[in-house]
Amino acid sequence: MNINWSGLGIVFVVALAAAVVLTGLFAYGVRGLSERVTARANGGTGTMQLTGAVVCFAVCAAVIGYGIYLIMA
């Protein structure tokens, strides 16, 4: 039984990077929603915070969808 260690290492690095990036994007999206609530409580609209949060969540969903597509293909 032969193990392709370089291939395993590449998969590990890509999975680790994807996990860090997705976690950061999701956290930024949650923070954007929280800042929107604060802005609205202070009399603002919070449009920029909501836009940023929606973009972060959309990128997270796109990356997850692409990952599922790669697994299925």
Protein backbone atom coordinates (compact mmCIF):
# COMPACT_ATOMS: atom_id res chain seq x y z
CA MET A 1 0.00 0.00 0.00
CA ASN A 2 1.48 3.31 -1.09
CA ILE A 3 0.45 6.64 0.36
CA ASN A 4 0.88 9.77 -1.70
CA TRP A 5 2.17 12.00 1.11
CA SER A 6 2.55 15.10 -1.03
CA GLY A 7 -1.06 14.82 -2.21
CA LEU A 8 -2.22 14.28 1.36
CA GLY A 9 -0.25 17.34 2.46
CA ILE A 10 -1.80 19.51 -0.25
CA VAL A 11 -5.30 18.39 0.72
CA PHE A 12 -4.52 19.15 4.37
CA VAL A 13 -3.21 22.65 3.64
CA VAL A 14 -6.14 23.52 1.36
CA ALA A 15 -8.67 22.20 3.89
CA LEU A 16 -7.03 24.14 6.70
CA ALA A 17 -6.93 27.36 4.68
CA ALA A 18 -10.56 26.95 3.60
CA ALA A 19 -11.64 26.36 7.20
CA VAL A 20 -9.82 29.47 8.42
CA VAL A 21 -11.16 31.66 5.60
CA LEU A 22 -14.74 30.42 5.92
CA THR A 23 -14.72 30.81 9.70
CA GLY A 24 -13.38 34.36 9.37
CA LEU A 25 -15.93 35.31 6.73
CA PHE A 26 -18.81 33.88 8.74
CA ALA A 27 -17.62 35.66 11.89
CA TYR A 28 -17.34 38.94 9.98
CA GLY A 29 -20.88 38.43 8.66
CA VAL A 30 -22.23 37.89 12.18
CA ARG A 31 -20.33 40.95 13.38
CA GLY A 32 -21.79 43.00 10.53
CA LEU A 33 -25.29 42.02 11.55
CA SER A 34 -24.50 42.96 15.14
CA GLU A 35 -23.11 46.33 14.07
CA ARG A 36 -26.24 46.94 12.00
CA VAL A 37 -28.40 46.49 15.09
CA THR A 38 -26.17 48.94 16.98
CA ALA A 39 -26.28 51.47 14.13
CA ARG A 40 -30.07 51.28 13.93
CA ALA A 41 -30.34 51.73 17.70
CA ASN A 42 -28.25 54.90 17.39
CA GLY A 43 -30.46 56.32 14.65
CA GLY A 44 -28.50 55.18 11.57
CA THR A 45 -29.60 52.92 8.77
CA GLY A 46 -26.95 50.20 9.02
CA THR A 47 -27.07 49.60 5.26
CA MET A 48 -23.32 49.19 4.85
CA GLN A 49 -23.11 46.69 7.69
CA LEU A 50 -25.99 44.67 6.28
CA THR A 51 -24.45 44.71 2.79
CA GLY A 52 -21.12 43.50 4.13
CA ALA A 53 -22.79 40.73 6.12
CA VAL A 54 -24.83 39.56 3.14
CA VAL A 55 -21.74 39.51 0.92
CA CYS A 56 -19.81 37.47 3.52
CA PHE A 57 -22.64 34.96 3.87
CA ALA A 58 -23.01 34.71 0.10
CA VAL A 59 -19.28 34.01 -0.34
CA CYS A 60 -19.47 31.35 2.39
CA ALA A 61 -22.44 29.71 0.67
CA ALA A 62 -20.68 29.84 -2.71
CA VAL A 63 -17.51 28.23 -1.36
CA ILE A 64 -19.49 25.49 0.38
CA GLY A 65 -21.55 24.90 -2.76
CA TYR A 66 -18.40 24.68 -4.86
CA GLY A 67 -16.93 22.18 -2.42
CA ILE A 68 -20.04 20.03 -2.63
CA TYR A 69 -19.88 20.29 -6.43
CA LEU A 70 -16.26 19.08 -6.39
CA ILE A 71 -17.17 16.14 -4.20
CA MET A 72 -20.09 15.15 -6.42
CA ALA A 73 -18.18 15.50 -9.72
